[in-house]
Amino acid sequence: MDQAEKIIIYAAFDNAIEANIAKTKLDAYGIPCFLTEENFTGLYPLRNDIFPGVRLHIFERDFIQTKEVLEDVE
């Protein structure tokens, strides 16, 4: 599979709110992404081996730009 088309898990968050904030910021910068496991936060409020958290997926080609956007603290 071409790296440009490979989807990776960039990060996992403890709750859907944190994950959606990150997704919204990436959307604002035009970086395609999506979340999975959002519905499990009600069932498993803490991350563990069974539930690793709400996952943020991106294209591998966008890794560096995603890191810059999400780690930008003003």
N, C-alpha and C. Protein backbone atom coordinates (compact mmCIF):
# COMPACT_ATOMS: atom_id res chain seq x y z
N MET A 1 0.84 -1.18 0.00
CA MET A 1 0.00 0.00 0.00
C MET A 1 0.88 1.24 0.00
N ASP A 2 0.52 2.19 -0.80
CA ASP A 2 1.24 3.45 -0.92
C ASP A 2 1.12 4.24 0.38
N GLN A 3 2.24 4.83 0.84
CA GLN A 3 2.24 5.59 2.09
C GLN A 3 1.22 6.72 2.05
N ALA A 4 1.02 7.31 0.88
CA ALA A 4 0.08 8.43 0.76
C ALA A 4 -1.35 7.99 1.05
N GLU A 5 -1.65 6.72 0.87
CA GLU A 5 -3.01 6.22 1.08
C GLU A 5 -3.16 5.44 2.38
N LYS A 6 -2.09 5.21 3.10
CA LYS A 6 -2.15 4.42 4.32
C LYS A 6 -2.75 5.24 5.46
N ILE A 7 -3.74 4.66 6.14
CA ILE A 7 -4.38 5.33 7.27
C ILE A 7 -3.78 4.77 8.55
N ILE A 8 -3.41 5.68 9.45
CA ILE A 8 -2.80 5.27 10.72
C ILE A 8 -3.59 5.88 11.88
N ILE A 9 -3.38 5.33 13.06
CA ILE A 9 -3.93 5.92 14.28
C ILE A 9 -2.90 6.91 14.79
N TYR A 10 -3.27 8.18 14.82
CA TYR A 10 -2.33 9.20 15.27
C TYR A 10 -2.30 9.26 16.79
N ALA A 11 -3.47 9.21 17.42
CA ALA A 11 -3.54 9.34 18.88
C ALA A 11 -4.83 8.70 19.38
N ALA A 12 -4.84 8.45 20.68
CA ALA A 12 -6.06 7.97 21.36
C ALA A 12 -6.33 8.92 22.52
N PHE A 13 -7.59 9.26 22.70
CA PHE A 13 -7.99 10.22 23.72
C PHE A 13 -8.88 9.56 24.76
N ASP A 14 -8.87 10.12 25.96
CA ASP A 14 -9.67 9.57 27.05
C ASP A 14 -11.16 9.76 26.86
N ASN A 15 -11.55 10.80 26.11
CA ASN A 15 -12.98 11.03 25.92
C ASN A 15 -13.24 11.64 24.55
N ALA A 16 -14.50 11.61 24.16
CA ALA A 16 -14.89 12.09 22.83
C ALA A 16 -14.72 13.60 22.70
N ILE A 17 -14.83 14.34 23.78
CA ILE A 17 -14.68 15.79 23.71
C ILE A 17 -13.26 16.16 23.27
N GLU A 18 -12.26 15.59 23.94
CA GLU A 18 -10.87 15.87 23.57
C GLU A 18 -10.60 15.47 22.12
N ALA A 19 -11.11 14.31 21.74
CA ALA A 19 -10.90 13.81 20.38
C ALA A 19 -11.55 14.73 19.35
N ASN A 20 -12.76 15.20 19.64
CA ASN A 20 -13.45 16.08 18.70
C ASN A 20 -12.79 17.44 18.59
N ILE A 21 -12.19 17.92 19.66
CA ILE A 21 -11.44 19.18 19.60
C ILE A 21 -10.26 19.03 18.64
N ALA A 22 -9.54 17.93 18.76
CA ALA A 22 -8.41 17.67 17.86
C ALA A 22 -8.89 17.53 16.42
N LYS A 23 -9.97 16.80 16.22
CA LYS A 23 -10.51 16.61 14.86
C LYS A 23 -10.95 17.94 14.26
N THR A 24 -11.62 18.77 15.04
CA THR A 24 -12.08 20.07 14.56
C THR A 24 -10.90 20.95 14.14
N LYS A 25 -9.83 20.90 14.92
CA LYS A 25 -8.64 21.69 14.59
C LYS A 25 -8.02 21.20 13.29
N LEU A 26 -7.93 19.88 13.12
CA LEU A 26 -7.39 19.34 11.87
C LEU A 26 -8.29 19.67 10.69
N ASP A 27 -9.61 19.58 10.89
CA ASP A 27 -10.55 19.95 9.83
C ASP A 27 -10.33 21.40 9.39
N ALA A 28 -10.09 22.28 10.36
CA ALA A 28 -9.88 23.70 10.05
C ALA A 28 -8.63 23.91 9.20
N TYR A 29 -7.64 23.02 9.35
CA TYR A 29 -6.42 23.12 8.56
C TYR A 29 -6.50 22.28 7.27
N GLY A 30 -7.64 21.69 7.02
CA GLY A 30 -7.82 20.90 5.80
C GLY A 30 -7.15 19.55 5.82
N ILE A 31 -6.88 19.03 7.00
CA ILE A 31 -6.24 17.71 7.12
C ILE A 31 -7.34 16.68 7.31
N PRO A 32 -7.51 15.75 6.36
CA PRO A 32 -8.56 14.75 6.49
C PRO A 32 -8.29 13.81 7.66
N CYS A 33 -9.33 13.54 8.43
CA CYS A 33 -9.20 12.65 9.58
C CYS A 33 -10.58 12.14 9.98
N PHE A 34 -10.59 11.11 10.83
CA PHE A 34 -11.85 10.63 11.37
C PHE A 34 -11.59 9.97 12.71
N LEU A 35 -12.67 9.82 13.49
CA LEU A 35 -12.59 9.22 14.83
C LEU A 35 -13.28 7.87 14.83
N THR A 36 -12.79 6.97 15.68
CA THR A 36 -13.46 5.70 15.92
C THR A 36 -13.53 5.45 17.42
N GLU A 37 -14.38 4.55 17.80
CA GLU A 37 -14.58 4.13 19.20
C GLU A 37 -15.19 5.22 20.08
N GLU A 38 -15.85 6.21 19.47
CA GLU A 38 -16.46 7.29 20.25
C GLU A 38 -17.56 6.79 21.18
N ASN A 39 -18.32 5.82 20.73
CA ASN A 39 -19.48 5.36 21.51
C ASN A 39 -19.10 4.54 22.73
N PHE A 40 -17.88 4.07 22.80
CA PHE A 40 -17.46 3.27 23.93
C PHE A 40 -17.12 4.09 25.17
N THR A 41 -17.02 5.41 25.03
CA THR A 41 -16.64 6.22 26.19
C THR A 41 -17.65 6.13 27.32
N GLY A 42 -18.92 5.92 26.99
CA GLY A 42 -19.94 5.74 28.03
C GLY A 42 -19.82 4.40 28.73
N LEU A 43 -19.36 3.40 28.00
CA LEU A 43 -19.22 2.06 28.58
C LEU A 43 -17.91 1.89 29.34
N TYR A 44 -16.86 2.47 28.81
CA TYR A 44 -15.53 2.35 29.40
C TYR A 44 -14.95 3.75 29.60
N PRO A 45 -15.29 4.42 30.69
CA PRO A 45 -14.85 5.80 30.87
C PRO A 45 -13.33 5.96 31.03
N LEU A 46 -12.64 4.90 31.37
CA LEU A 46 -11.18 4.97 31.52
C LEU A 46 -10.53 4.08 30.48
N ARG A 47 -9.41 4.55 29.95
CA ARG A 47 -8.69 3.74 28.97
C ARG A 47 -8.05 2.55 29.67
N ASN A 48 -8.05 1.41 28.99
CA ASN A 48 -7.42 0.21 29.52
C ASN A 48 -7.06 -0.71 28.36
N ASP A 49 -6.73 -1.95 28.64
CA ASP A 49 -6.34 -2.88 27.58
C ASP A 49 -7.49 -3.19 26.64
N ILE A 50 -8.71 -3.22 27.15
CA ILE A 50 -9.87 -3.52 26.32
C ILE A 50 -10.27 -2.32 25.48
N PHE A 51 -10.26 -1.15 26.09
CA PHE A 51 -10.67 0.07 25.40
C PHE A 51 -9.53 1.08 25.42
N PRO A 52 -8.83 1.23 24.31
CA PRO A 52 -7.67 2.14 24.29
C PRO A 52 -8.03 3.62 24.14
N GLY A 53 -9.29 3.97 24.05
CA GLY A 53 -9.70 5.37 23.93
C GLY A 53 -10.29 5.68 22.57
N VAL A 54 -10.73 6.91 22.42
CA VAL A 54 -11.25 7.38 21.14
C VAL A 54 -10.05 7.61 20.23
N ARG A 55 -10.07 6.98 19.08
CA ARG A 55 -8.91 6.99 18.19
C ARG A 55 -9.06 8.02 17.08
N LEU A 56 -8.00 8.76 16.85
CA LEU A 56 -7.93 9.74 15.77
C LEU A 56 -7.11 9.14 14.64
N HIS A 57 -7.73 8.98 13.48
CA HIS A 57 -7.08 8.39 12.31
C HIS A 57 -6.75 9.47 11.30
N ILE A 58 -5.57 9.35 10.70
CA ILE A 58 -5.13 10.28 9.65
C ILE A 58 -4.44 9.48 8.56
N PHE A 59 -4.21 10.14 7.42
CA PHE A 59 -3.35 9.54 6.40
C PHE A 59 -1.91 9.68 6.87
N GLU A 60 -1.12 8.65 6.64
CA GLU A 60 0.27 8.67 7.08
C GLU A 60 1.04 9.85 6.49
N ARG A 61 0.68 10.24 5.28
CA ARG A 61 1.36 11.36 4.63
C ARG A 61 1.16 12.68 5.37
N ASP A 62 0.11 12.77 6.21
CA ASP A 62 -0.20 13.99 6.95
C ASP A 62 0.35 13.99 8.38
N PHE A 63 1.18 13.01 8.72
CA PHE A 63 1.65 12.87 10.10
C PHE A 63 2.38 14.11 10.61
N ILE A 64 3.33 14.60 9.85
CA ILE A 64 4.13 15.75 10.31
C ILE A 64 3.26 17.00 10.46
N GLN A 65 2.40 17.26 9.47
CA GLN A 65 1.52 18.42 9.56
C GLN A 65 0.55 18.29 10.73
N THR A 66 0.03 17.09 10.95
CA THR A 66 -0.88 16.85 12.08
C THR A 66 -0.16 17.12 13.39
N LYS A 67 1.04 16.64 13.51
CA LYS A 67 1.82 16.85 14.74
C LYS A 67 2.04 18.34 14.98
N GLU A 68 2.39 19.08 13.94
CA GLU A 68 2.60 20.52 14.08
C GLU A 68 1.32 21.24 14.51
N VAL A 69 0.20 20.86 13.93
CA VAL A 69 -1.08 21.52 14.25
C VAL A 69 -1.51 21.21 15.68
N LEU A 70 -1.44 19.94 16.06
CA LEU A 70 -1.96 19.56 17.38
C LEU A 70 -1.00 19.90 18.52
N GLU A 71 0.27 20.06 18.23
CA GLU A 71 1.21 20.41 19.27
C GLU A 71 1.47 21.90 19.34
N ASP A 72 0.81 22.67 18.49
CA ASP A 72 0.95 24.13 18.48
C ASP A 72 0.22 24.70 19.70
N VAL A 73 0.98 25.17 20.66
CA VAL A 73 0.42 25.74 21.87
C VAL A 73 0.71 27.23 21.86
N GLU A 74 -0.36 28.01 21.90
CA GLU A 74 -0.18 29.48 21.86
C GLU A 74 -0.44 30.09 23.20
